[in-house]
Amino acid sequence: MAILRTGLSATLCALAILAGTASGQDDAKERGWEIFQQARQAAGVKADSVPVKDYVFELQSKAVTPNGEVKRRSKGLYLHPGLVRQEIDDPKAKIIVVFNGEKAWQIVPGDIHYMPDALAKQYKAELDRSHVLLLPPPPRDSIWLLNQEEVEGRPTDVIELREVGGPPLRLFVDVETRDIVKKMFVGDAPGGGMAQVEEYFSNFQESGGYRWPFLKRVVRNGKQATETTTLSLKVNTGLTESDIIR
């Protein structure tokens, strides 16, 4: 009888642990979804918001390369849900990159270069991560609250999204403002291989009824990679597909 009671006690204990674990997972998912919705609202995504149909932007970028720091200015056009044109003023020539949602190509003086499908997929993943708050939300049970961490002195709630841009995407959501001040994911590194990518966001400003970060800093495997400043941003300007693909 003692053996039976011991076995039954162990079984009940195990079931209690499993129930507690399931309950904890449910709580983490529910809280993660709540924080994600708060971040969307802070960014301007509300029931009565005018949807973002397009936007035009100008950037000033600095990239750290083996040959030193490279600075570039660029102008970009975005048309929902995934058409992009970016015109880059390179020191040697003007470069235009176009993405139509499936294929990407580069236009240089006198020629057009189509990018490999793998690069086009990277471009699509980057767009999905960039517009994570503007696009329809991922499945509710794919978002989890992980923990709290400080990002540059500010407390954040860390949530993980498992169906955006491929590998799990972590969003660090400011506890006070609900701005996303950092994103972290595993991505392809320039020159091959994989890297832990950390994107830091600051200088949030309003445009078109939405709140946008005007400064983005990218760190790959712990090393500074790029810093991009948004010089101007105009929302819902009336862009058409012919403005992007031409």
Protein backbone atom coordinates (compact mmCIF):
# COMPACT_ATOMS: atom_id res chain seq x y z
CA MET A 1 0.00 0.00 0.00
CA ALA A 2 2.86 2.35 0.83
CA ILE A 3 4.31 1.71 -2.62
CA LEU A 4 0.96 2.47 -4.25
CA ARG A 5 0.59 5.70 -2.26
CA THR A 6 4.14 6.74 -3.18
CA GLY A 7 3.53 6.04 -6.86
CA LEU A 8 0.22 7.90 -6.81
CA SER A 9 1.82 10.84 -5.01
CA ALA A 10 4.60 11.02 -7.60
CA THR A 11 2.08 10.88 -10.43
CA LEU A 12 -0.04 13.66 -8.94
CA CYS A 13 3.07 15.75 -8.37
CA ALA A 14 4.13 15.31 -11.99
CA LEU A 15 0.65 16.24 -13.22
CA ALA A 16 0.69 19.33 -11.03
CA ILE A 17 4.04 20.39 -12.50
CA LEU A 18 2.74 19.85 -16.03
CA ALA A 19 -0.41 21.82 -15.24
CA GLY A 20 1.68 24.62 -13.75
CA THR A 21 3.92 24.64 -16.81
CA ALA A 22 0.94 24.78 -19.17
CA SER A 23 -0.60 27.55 -17.09
CA GLY A 24 2.69 29.47 -17.19
CA GLN A 25 2.88 29.10 -20.97
CA ASP A 26 -0.68 30.34 -21.34
CA ASP A 27 0.09 33.34 -19.15
CA ALA A 28 3.26 34.11 -21.16
CA LYS A 29 1.30 33.95 -24.43
CA GLU A 30 -1.55 36.09 -23.12
CA ARG A 31 0.83 38.69 -21.72
CA GLY A 32 2.96 38.63 -24.86
CA TRP A 33 -0.09 39.27 -27.03
CA GLU A 34 -1.18 42.12 -24.74
CA ILE A 35 2.24 43.81 -24.93
CA PHE A 36 2.35 43.40 -28.71
CA GLN A 37 -1.04 45.09 -29.04
CA GLN A 38 0.13 47.92 -26.77
CA ALA A 39 3.19 48.41 -29.00
CA ARG A 40 0.93 48.56 -32.07
CA GLN A 41 -1.26 51.18 -30.43
CA ALA A 42 1.77 53.23 -29.36
CA ALA A 43 2.95 53.16 -32.98
CA GLY A 44 -0.42 54.52 -34.12
CA VAL A 45 -2.18 51.33 -35.23
CA LYS A 46 -5.71 51.84 -33.90
CA ALA A 47 -9.24 51.00 -35.00
CA ASP A 48 -9.81 54.50 -36.38
CA SER A 49 -6.34 54.94 -37.91
CA VAL A 50 -5.92 55.69 -41.60
CA PRO A 51 -3.94 52.65 -42.86
CA VAL A 52 -0.40 53.18 -44.13
CA LYS A 53 -0.73 52.73 -47.89
CA ASP A 54 2.66 54.15 -48.85
CA TYR A 55 5.50 56.33 -47.64
CA VAL A 56 8.50 58.20 -49.02
CA PHE A 57 11.69 58.61 -47.01
CA GLU A 58 15.22 60.00 -47.17
CA LEU A 59 18.08 58.45 -45.23
CA GLN A 60 21.65 59.21 -44.21
CA SER A 61 23.57 56.00 -43.51
CA LYS A 62 26.98 55.11 -42.11
CA ALA A 63 28.37 51.61 -42.58
CA VAL A 64 31.48 50.12 -41.04
CA THR A 65 33.44 48.14 -43.66
CA PRO A 66 36.92 46.55 -43.78
CA ASN A 67 38.02 49.65 -45.68
CA GLY A 68 36.64 52.08 -43.13
CA GLU A 69 33.42 54.00 -42.67
CA VAL A 70 31.23 54.59 -45.72
CA LYS A 71 28.52 57.28 -45.78
CA ARG A 72 25.60 57.29 -48.21
CA ARG A 73 22.38 59.18 -48.74
CA SER A 74 19.36 57.48 -50.22
CA LYS A 75 15.73 58.02 -51.10
CA GLY A 76 13.14 55.29 -50.75
CA LEU A 77 9.59 54.61 -51.86
CA TYR A 78 7.35 52.00 -50.19
CA LEU A 79 3.95 50.85 -51.44
CA HIS A 80 1.92 48.46 -49.29
CA PRO A 81 2.08 45.51 -48.98
CA GLY A 82 5.66 45.02 -50.18
CA LEU A 83 6.88 47.08 -53.13
CA VAL A 84 10.06 49.04 -52.53
CA ARG A 85 12.35 51.27 -54.55
CA GLN A 86 15.53 52.67 -53.05
CA GLU A 87 17.79 55.11 -54.87
CA ILE A 88 21.26 55.18 -53.35
CA ASP A 89 23.82 57.90 -54.02
CA ASP A 90 26.99 55.83 -54.09
CA PRO A 91 30.33 57.68 -54.40
CA LYS A 92 30.93 55.87 -57.72
CA ALA A 93 27.44 55.82 -59.25
CA LYS A 94 23.76 56.04 -58.45
CA ILE A 95 22.37 52.61 -57.59
CA ILE A 96 18.68 51.72 -57.63
CA VAL A 97 17.31 48.64 -55.87
CA VAL A 98 13.75 47.48 -56.60
CA PHE A 99 11.74 44.76 -54.86
CA ASN A 100 8.30 43.71 -56.11
CA GLY A 101 7.37 41.40 -53.25
CA GLU A 102 8.99 38.33 -54.82
CA LYS A 103 11.97 39.38 -56.94
CA ALA A 104 14.67 41.98 -56.39
CA TRP A 105 16.96 43.65 -58.89
CA GLN A 106 19.61 46.33 -59.01
CA ILE A 107 19.72 49.04 -61.65
CA VAL A 108 23.11 50.60 -62.38
CA PRO A 109 24.04 52.88 -65.26
CA GLY A 110 23.49 50.86 -68.43
CA ASP A 111 22.55 47.55 -66.84
CA ILE A 112 20.16 45.58 -64.60
CA HIS A 113 21.29 42.81 -62.23
CA TYR A 114 18.71 40.38 -60.83
CA MET A 115 19.49 39.23 -57.31
CA PRO A 116 19.51 35.54 -56.31
CA ASP A 117 16.27 34.23 -54.82
CA ALA A 118 18.01 33.84 -51.45
CA LEU A 119 18.72 37.59 -51.33
CA ALA A 120 15.14 38.37 -52.35
CA LYS A 121 13.93 36.24 -49.43
CA GLN A 122 16.22 38.16 -47.09
CA TYR A 123 14.76 41.40 -48.42
CA LYS A 124 11.23 40.11 -47.78
CA ALA A 125 12.14 39.03 -44.25
CA GLU A 126 13.63 42.45 -43.54
CA LEU A 127 10.44 44.14 -44.73
CA ASP A 128 8.32 41.86 -42.53
CA ARG A 129 10.46 42.69 -39.48
CA SER A 130 10.45 46.41 -40.28
CA HIS A 131 6.66 46.50 -40.62
CA VAL A 132 5.86 44.07 -37.82
CA LEU A 133 3.52 46.60 -36.17
CA LEU A 134 1.88 47.78 -39.40
CA LEU A 135 1.10 44.42 -41.01
CA PRO A 136 -1.70 42.15 -39.77
CA PRO A 137 -0.52 40.56 -36.51
CA PRO A 138 0.90 37.04 -36.51
CA PRO A 139 -1.08 34.22 -34.84
CA ARG A 140 -1.88 35.02 -31.25
CA ASP A 141 -0.25 31.88 -29.85
CA SER A 142 3.03 32.60 -31.68
CA ILE A 143 3.86 35.55 -29.41
CA TRP A 144 5.41 34.96 -25.97
CA LEU A 145 6.57 37.15 -23.12
CA LEU A 146 10.09 36.05 -22.20
CA ASN A 147 11.36 38.39 -19.50
CA GLN A 148 12.32 41.97 -18.71
CA GLU A 149 15.67 43.50 -19.69
CA GLU A 150 17.24 46.93 -19.71
CA VAL A 151 18.10 48.46 -23.07
CA GLU A 152 20.43 51.42 -22.78
CA GLY A 153 19.16 52.17 -19.31
CA ARG A 154 15.44 51.73 -20.05
CA PRO A 155 13.41 48.77 -18.73
CA THR A 156 11.72 46.73 -21.44
CA ASP A 157 9.39 43.78 -21.77
CA VAL A 158 10.93 41.20 -24.11
CA ILE A 159 8.47 39.36 -26.33
CA GLU A 160 9.29 36.76 -28.97
CA LEU A 161 7.45 36.38 -32.28
CA ARG A 162 7.91 33.03 -33.97
CA GLU A 163 6.26 33.62 -37.34
CA VAL A 164 7.75 36.89 -38.60
CA GLY A 165 10.72 37.02 -40.97
CA GLY A 166 11.85 33.42 -40.48
CA PRO A 167 13.87 32.88 -37.27
CA PRO A 168 12.33 33.97 -33.95
CA LEU A 169 12.19 37.75 -33.61
CA ARG A 170 12.57 39.36 -30.20
CA LEU A 171 11.05 42.77 -29.57
CA PHE A 172 12.19 44.85 -26.62
CA VAL A 173 9.21 47.03 -25.72
CA ASP A 174 9.78 50.09 -23.54
CA VAL A 175 7.79 49.61 -20.32
CA GLU A 176 6.77 53.27 -20.17
CA THR A 177 6.26 54.40 -23.80
CA ARG A 178 5.62 50.99 -25.42
CA ASP A 179 8.03 51.93 -28.21
CA ILE A 180 10.08 49.07 -29.65
CA VAL A 181 13.58 50.19 -28.74
CA LYS A 182 15.36 47.04 -29.89
CA LYS A 183 14.88 44.02 -32.14
CA MET A 184 17.04 40.91 -32.06
CA PHE A 185 17.18 37.93 -34.42
CA VAL A 186 19.58 35.59 -36.19
CA GLY A 187 20.18 36.70 -39.77
CA ASP A 188 22.54 36.39 -42.70
CA ALA A 189 25.79 38.27 -42.36
CA PRO A 190 27.34 40.22 -45.24
CA GLY A 191 29.94 38.01 -46.89
CA GLY A 192 28.24 34.79 -45.79
CA GLY A 193 27.43 32.99 -42.58
CA MET A 194 24.98 33.89 -39.85
CA ALA A 195 25.04 36.60 -37.23
CA GLN A 196 23.14 37.67 -34.16
CA VAL A 197 21.62 40.95 -35.24
CA GLU A 198 20.62 43.64 -32.77
CA GLU A 199 18.77 46.71 -34.04
CA TYR A 200 18.45 49.70 -31.71
CA PHE A 201 15.80 52.39 -32.30
CA SER A 202 15.48 55.92 -30.92
CA ASN A 203 14.43 59.49 -31.75
CA PHE A 204 10.78 58.56 -32.26
CA GLN A 205 8.75 61.12 -34.20
CA GLU A 206 5.20 61.42 -35.53
CA SER A 207 4.40 61.35 -39.24
CA GLY A 208 1.04 60.66 -40.86
CA GLY A 209 -0.53 59.80 -37.53
CA TYR A 210 2.07 57.12 -36.79
CA ARG A 211 5.13 57.04 -34.56
CA TRP A 212 8.42 56.15 -36.27
CA PRO A 213 12.02 55.74 -35.06
CA PHE A 214 14.22 58.22 -36.89
CA LEU A 215 17.48 56.64 -35.72
CA LYS A 216 18.43 52.99 -36.21
CA ARG A 217 21.69 51.40 -35.14
CA VAL A 218 22.61 47.84 -36.17
CA VAL A 219 25.05 45.61 -34.30
CA ARG A 220 26.13 42.23 -35.72
CA ASN A 221 27.80 39.70 -33.44
CA GLY A 222 28.52 42.47 -30.96
CA LYS A 223 30.15 44.82 -33.48
CA GLN A 224 28.76 48.10 -34.78
CA ALA A 225 27.66 47.61 -38.42
CA THR A 226 25.48 50.53 -39.54
CA GLU A 227 23.75 53.65 -38.29
CA THR A 228 20.88 55.15 -40.24
CA THR A 229 19.22 58.52 -39.69
CA THR A 230 15.86 59.29 -41.27
CA LEU A 231 16.05 62.79 -42.71
CA SER A 232 12.43 62.96 -43.86
CA LEU A 233 9.37 60.72 -43.93
CA LYS A 234 6.02 61.38 -45.62
CA VAL A 235 3.10 58.97 -45.27
CA ASN A 236 0.28 58.24 -47.74
CA THR A 237 1.55 60.38 -50.61
CA GLY A 238 -0.47 58.58 -53.30
CA LEU A 239 2.29 56.39 -54.75
CA THR A 240 1.38 53.87 -57.47
CA GLU A 241 3.08 50.71 -58.66
CA SER A 242 4.48 52.58 -61.67
CA ASP A 243 6.35 54.90 -59.27
CA ILE A 244 8.16 51.86 -57.84
CA ILE A 245 8.70 49.67 -60.91
CA ARG A 246 10.01 51.80 -63.74
